[in-house]
Amino acid sequence: MNKLKTILFAACSLVLVTMGTAVKADSGNFAGPYVGFTASGYGVEADSTSSTTTVSEDTVSVTNDAIQIGKVAAVVGVELGYALPLGSAFLIDVGATYHSGEAKIDHDGGDNGTRSVAFMIDDLVTFYLAPTLVLSDTSSLYVKVGLSEADTGVTGDITTPARLSGTQWAIGTRTVLDSGIFIRTEAGYTEYNGISAHGKGNDIQSDNSYSAQPTIAFGTVSLGFRF
């Protein structure tokens, strides 16, 4: 994940430098409202921990476990946005995406007495701002920063955590044809706030707690239409 962040930072820096020396192009070919349909591959990485309390006669012991988790999920979605031209070679793209699909993070307590539980992440919504550099009459390059939120769910006798929220960073290209049809390719990552839950007291004691700090890396392809 750190390698991906380094690559994105370097690419964003290159875009900012290139803005000052961009060739002449018509930003009007990209301007206006648009709608697109997306297909994405998500890689979910999480540092998961559990704290297990065991009571035996007069002894109370607490066991802490740390687990590194990696999962892959495919999701589809839709995006809506508006590209506002700021000169002949620069635009500000404002929009939102919705992705429907579930990524599951399993946590197996193993031999320490903790029953298996799982966190689910789905219905990802991102509101974004994307400064865009027009490279030619049909192609552009952009960097994106967004606010991302997602629903959470659980399996097992644990409480359901609050919705996730985090910051998304990405870089991508957008190619627009004369007909208004466009193709967008994008790569990035989202860092979310932590998930935390505890046992409900039935199968899992209320003193037992679980947490995860998810980060999602993704690649997306969009096909849409500019109005």
Protein backbone atom coordinates (compact mmCIF):
# COMPACT_ATOMS: atom_id res chain seq x y z
CA MET A 1 0.00 0.00 0.00
CA ASN A 2 2.87 2.41 0.74
CA LYS A 3 4.26 1.74 -2.73
CA LEU A 4 0.91 2.64 -4.28
CA LYS A 5 0.80 5.88 -2.30
CA THR A 6 4.30 6.79 -3.51
CA ILE A 7 3.35 6.16 -7.13
CA LEU A 8 0.19 8.25 -6.85
CA PHE A 9 2.05 11.11 -5.17
CA ALA A 10 4.67 11.11 -7.92
CA ALA A 11 1.98 11.02 -10.62
CA CYS A 12 0.07 13.89 -9.01
CA SER A 13 3.26 15.95 -8.83
CA LEU A 14 3.91 15.28 -12.51
CA VAL A 15 0.40 16.46 -13.40
CA LEU A 16 0.87 19.72 -11.49
CA VAL A 17 4.18 20.37 -13.23
CA THR A 18 2.72 19.53 -16.64
CA MET A 19 -0.16 22.00 -16.18
CA GLY A 20 2.22 24.86 -16.80
CA THR A 21 3.42 23.47 -20.12
CA ALA A 22 0.28 21.82 -21.51
CA VAL A 23 -0.38 21.88 -25.23
CA LYS A 24 -3.29 23.95 -26.48
CA ALA A 25 -6.54 22.01 -26.40
CA ASP A 26 -10.27 22.67 -26.16
CA SER A 27 -11.61 22.05 -22.65
CA GLY A 28 -15.14 22.57 -24.01
CA ASN A 29 -15.06 19.01 -25.37
CA PHE A 30 -15.05 17.77 -21.76
CA ALA A 31 -17.27 20.40 -20.13
CA GLY A 32 -20.80 19.85 -18.89
CA PRO A 33 -22.80 17.19 -17.06
CA TYR A 34 -22.13 13.49 -17.51
CA VAL A 35 -23.25 10.07 -16.34
CA GLY A 36 -21.21 6.87 -16.34
CA PHE A 37 -21.32 3.22 -15.36
CA THR A 38 -18.32 1.77 -13.56
CA ALA A 39 -16.65 -1.57 -12.91
CA SER A 40 -14.01 -1.73 -10.19
CA GLY A 41 -11.63 -4.17 -8.58
CA TYR A 42 -11.11 -3.48 -4.87
CA GLY A 43 -8.29 -4.78 -2.70
CA VAL A 44 -9.12 -4.44 0.99
CA GLU A 45 -6.28 -4.37 3.52
CA ALA A 46 -6.96 -4.17 7.25
CA ASP A 47 -5.05 -4.37 10.51
CA SER A 48 -7.51 -6.34 12.64
CA THR A 49 -7.27 -6.76 16.41
CA SER A 50 -9.29 -8.55 19.06
CA SER A 51 -9.25 -8.34 22.83
CA THR A 52 -10.57 -11.44 24.64
CA THR A 53 -11.41 -11.50 28.33
CA THR A 54 -11.34 -14.91 30.04
CA VAL A 55 -12.60 -15.46 33.58
CA SER A 56 -11.44 -18.61 35.40
CA GLU A 57 -12.28 -18.86 39.11
CA ASP A 58 -10.48 -15.87 40.66
CA THR A 59 -8.35 -15.13 37.60
CA VAL A 60 -9.19 -12.63 34.85
CA SER A 61 -6.94 -12.61 31.78
CA VAL A 62 -7.02 -10.44 28.67
CA THR A 63 -5.59 -11.68 25.36
CA ASN A 64 -4.86 -9.28 22.49
CA ASP A 65 -4.41 -10.59 18.93
CA ALA A 66 -3.32 -8.68 15.84
CA ILE A 67 -4.13 -9.98 12.36
CA GLN A 68 -3.20 -8.58 8.93
CA ILE A 69 -6.05 -9.15 6.48
CA GLY A 70 -6.21 -8.84 2.70
CA LYS A 71 -9.33 -9.36 0.56
CA VAL A 72 -10.29 -8.74 -3.07
CA ALA A 73 -13.77 -7.78 -4.30
CA ALA A 74 -15.35 -6.75 -7.62
CA VAL A 75 -18.04 -4.06 -7.59
CA VAL A 76 -20.14 -2.15 -10.12
CA GLY A 77 -21.64 1.30 -9.84
CA VAL A 78 -22.70 4.60 -11.34
CA GLU A 79 -21.20 8.09 -11.39
CA LEU A 80 -22.72 11.54 -11.92
CA GLY A 81 -20.75 14.73 -12.34
CA TYR A 82 -20.19 18.10 -13.93
CA ALA A 83 -16.94 19.34 -15.50
CA LEU A 84 -16.47 23.12 -15.30
CA PRO A 85 -13.89 24.59 -17.75
CA LEU A 86 -11.34 27.06 -16.35
CA GLY A 87 -9.52 28.14 -19.50
CA SER A 88 -8.69 26.17 -22.64
CA ALA A 89 -6.69 23.40 -20.97
CA PHE A 90 -8.01 23.08 -17.44
CA LEU A 91 -11.25 21.93 -15.79
CA ILE A 92 -12.62 21.25 -12.33
CA ASP A 93 -14.64 18.06 -12.23
CA VAL A 94 -17.16 17.71 -9.39
CA GLY A 95 -19.13 14.51 -8.97
CA ALA A 96 -20.23 11.49 -6.99
CA THR A 97 -19.95 7.73 -7.41
CA TYR A 98 -21.96 4.89 -5.93
CA HIS A 99 -20.59 1.35 -5.89
CA SER A 100 -22.73 -1.65 -5.01
CA GLY A 101 -20.80 -4.68 -3.83
CA GLU A 102 -19.58 -6.27 -0.62
CA ALA A 103 -16.10 -6.84 0.78
CA LYS A 104 -15.95 -9.16 3.77
CA ILE A 105 -13.25 -9.08 6.45
CA ASP A 106 -13.15 -12.35 8.43
CA HIS A 107 -11.66 -12.59 11.88
CA ASP A 108 -11.08 -16.07 13.30
CA GLY A 109 -10.22 -16.14 16.98
CA GLY A 110 -8.50 -19.50 16.72
CA ASP A 111 -7.70 -21.34 19.96
CA ASN A 112 -7.99 -18.42 22.37
CA GLY A 113 -11.72 -18.91 22.94
CA THR A 114 -12.87 -16.08 20.67
CA ARG A 115 -15.57 -17.13 18.22
CA SER A 116 -15.24 -16.23 14.54
CA VAL A 117 -16.73 -12.91 13.45
CA ALA A 118 -16.71 -10.88 10.24
CA PHE A 119 -17.11 -7.26 9.15
CA MET A 120 -18.82 -6.42 5.85
CA ILE A 121 -18.25 -3.21 3.85
CA ASP A 122 -20.75 -2.32 1.11
CA ASP A 123 -22.65 0.50 -0.64
CA LEU A 124 -19.64 2.79 -1.10
CA VAL A 125 -20.46 6.44 -1.89
CA THR A 126 -17.78 8.99 -2.80
CA PHE A 127 -18.10 12.74 -3.40
CA TYR A 128 -15.08 14.05 -5.29
CA LEU A 129 -13.24 17.01 -6.75
CA ALA A 130 -10.91 16.33 -9.70
CA PRO A 131 -8.65 19.03 -11.20
CA THR A 132 -8.28 18.00 -14.85
CA LEU A 133 -5.60 18.79 -17.43
CA VAL A 134 -6.71 18.63 -21.08
CA LEU A 135 -4.00 16.93 -23.15
CA SER A 136 -5.78 17.01 -26.51
CA ASP A 137 -9.25 17.50 -27.94
CA THR A 138 -10.17 13.97 -26.86
CA SER A 139 -7.98 13.06 -23.87
CA SER A 140 -7.38 14.43 -20.39
CA LEU A 141 -5.52 13.57 -17.20
CA TYR A 142 -6.78 14.26 -13.68
CA VAL A 143 -6.08 13.84 -10.00
CA LYS A 144 -8.95 13.26 -7.61
CA VAL A 145 -9.60 13.81 -3.92
CA GLY A 146 -12.85 12.68 -2.39
CA LEU A 147 -14.82 11.95 0.75
CA SER A 148 -15.90 8.31 0.83
CA GLU A 149 -18.51 6.62 3.03
CA ALA A 150 -19.64 3.00 3.29
CA ASP A 151 -22.17 0.92 5.18
CA THR A 152 -20.94 -1.72 7.60
CA GLY A 153 -22.40 -5.02 8.74
CA VAL A 154 -21.30 -7.93 10.92
CA THR A 155 -21.78 -11.66 11.38
CA GLY A 156 -21.44 -13.20 14.79
CA ASP A 157 -22.66 -12.14 18.21
CA ILE A 158 -21.17 -8.64 18.08
CA THR A 159 -22.49 -5.10 17.80
CA THR A 160 -22.69 -3.35 14.42
CA PRO A 161 -20.19 -0.47 14.05
CA ALA A 162 -21.01 2.97 12.68
CA ARG A 163 -20.70 3.85 8.97
CA LEU A 164 -17.20 4.12 7.60
CA SER A 165 -15.81 7.42 6.33
CA GLY A 166 -12.46 8.20 4.78
CA THR A 167 -10.42 10.14 2.23
CA GLN A 168 -9.93 8.93 -1.33
CA TRP A 169 -7.00 9.79 -3.61
CA ALA A 170 -6.78 8.78 -7.26
CA ILE A 171 -5.31 9.56 -10.66
CA GLY A 172 -6.91 8.78 -13.99
CA THR A 173 -7.51 9.53 -17.65
CA ARG A 174 -10.67 10.41 -19.50
CA THR A 175 -11.18 10.08 -23.26
CA VAL A 176 -14.22 11.75 -24.83
CA LEU A 177 -15.41 11.03 -28.36
CA ASP A 178 -17.21 13.52 -30.62
CA SER A 179 -20.48 11.70 -29.89
CA GLY A 180 -20.15 12.50 -26.18
CA ILE A 181 -19.32 8.94 -25.17
CA PHE A 182 -16.37 8.77 -22.79
CA ILE A 183 -14.09 6.16 -21.26
CA ARG A 184 -12.44 6.76 -17.90
CA THR A 185 -9.67 4.70 -16.29
CA GLU A 186 -8.59 5.33 -12.72
CA ALA A 187 -6.43 3.96 -9.92
CA GLY A 188 -6.32 5.05 -6.30
CA TYR A 189 -6.86 4.21 -2.66
CA THR A 190 -9.14 5.12 0.24
CA GLU A 191 -8.14 5.21 3.90
CA TYR A 192 -11.08 4.72 6.26
CA ASN A 193 -11.56 5.38 9.94
CA GLY A 194 -11.50 2.35 12.21
CA ILE A 195 -14.24 -0.25 12.71
CA SER A 196 -14.88 -1.36 16.28
CA ALA A 197 -17.39 -3.70 17.91
CA HIS A 198 -17.82 -5.80 21.05
CA GLY A 199 -19.67 -8.94 22.03
CA LYS A 200 -23.38 -8.80 22.79
CA GLY A 201 -23.07 -11.20 25.72
CA ASN A 202 -24.68 -14.30 24.21
CA ASP A 203 -22.11 -16.38 22.29
CA ILE A 204 -19.43 -13.71 22.79
CA GLN A 205 -18.85 -11.89 26.08
CA SER A 206 -19.47 -8.14 26.11
CA ASP A 207 -15.89 -7.69 27.37
CA ASN A 208 -14.54 -9.10 24.09
CA SER A 209 -13.80 -6.40 21.51
CA TYR A 210 -12.86 -6.35 17.82
CA SER A 211 -11.46 -3.63 15.57
CA ALA A 212 -10.12 -3.15 12.05
CA GLN A 213 -8.49 -0.27 10.17
CA PRO A 214 -9.39 -0.83 6.48
CA THR A 215 -7.66 0.66 3.46
CA ILE A 216 -8.98 0.01 -0.04
CA ALA A 217 -6.87 0.13 -3.21
CA PHE A 218 -8.85 0.11 -6.44
CA GLY A 219 -8.78 0.21 -10.21
CA THR A 220 -11.85 1.45 -12.10
CA VAL A 221 -13.05 1.58 -15.69
CA SER A 222 -16.04 3.78 -16.56
CA LEU A 223 -18.13 4.06 -19.70
CA GLY A 224 -20.49 7.01 -19.93
CA PHE A 225 -21.95 9.93 -21.81
CA ARG A 226 -21.28 13.67 -21.64
CA PHE A 227 -24.37 15.79 -22.33
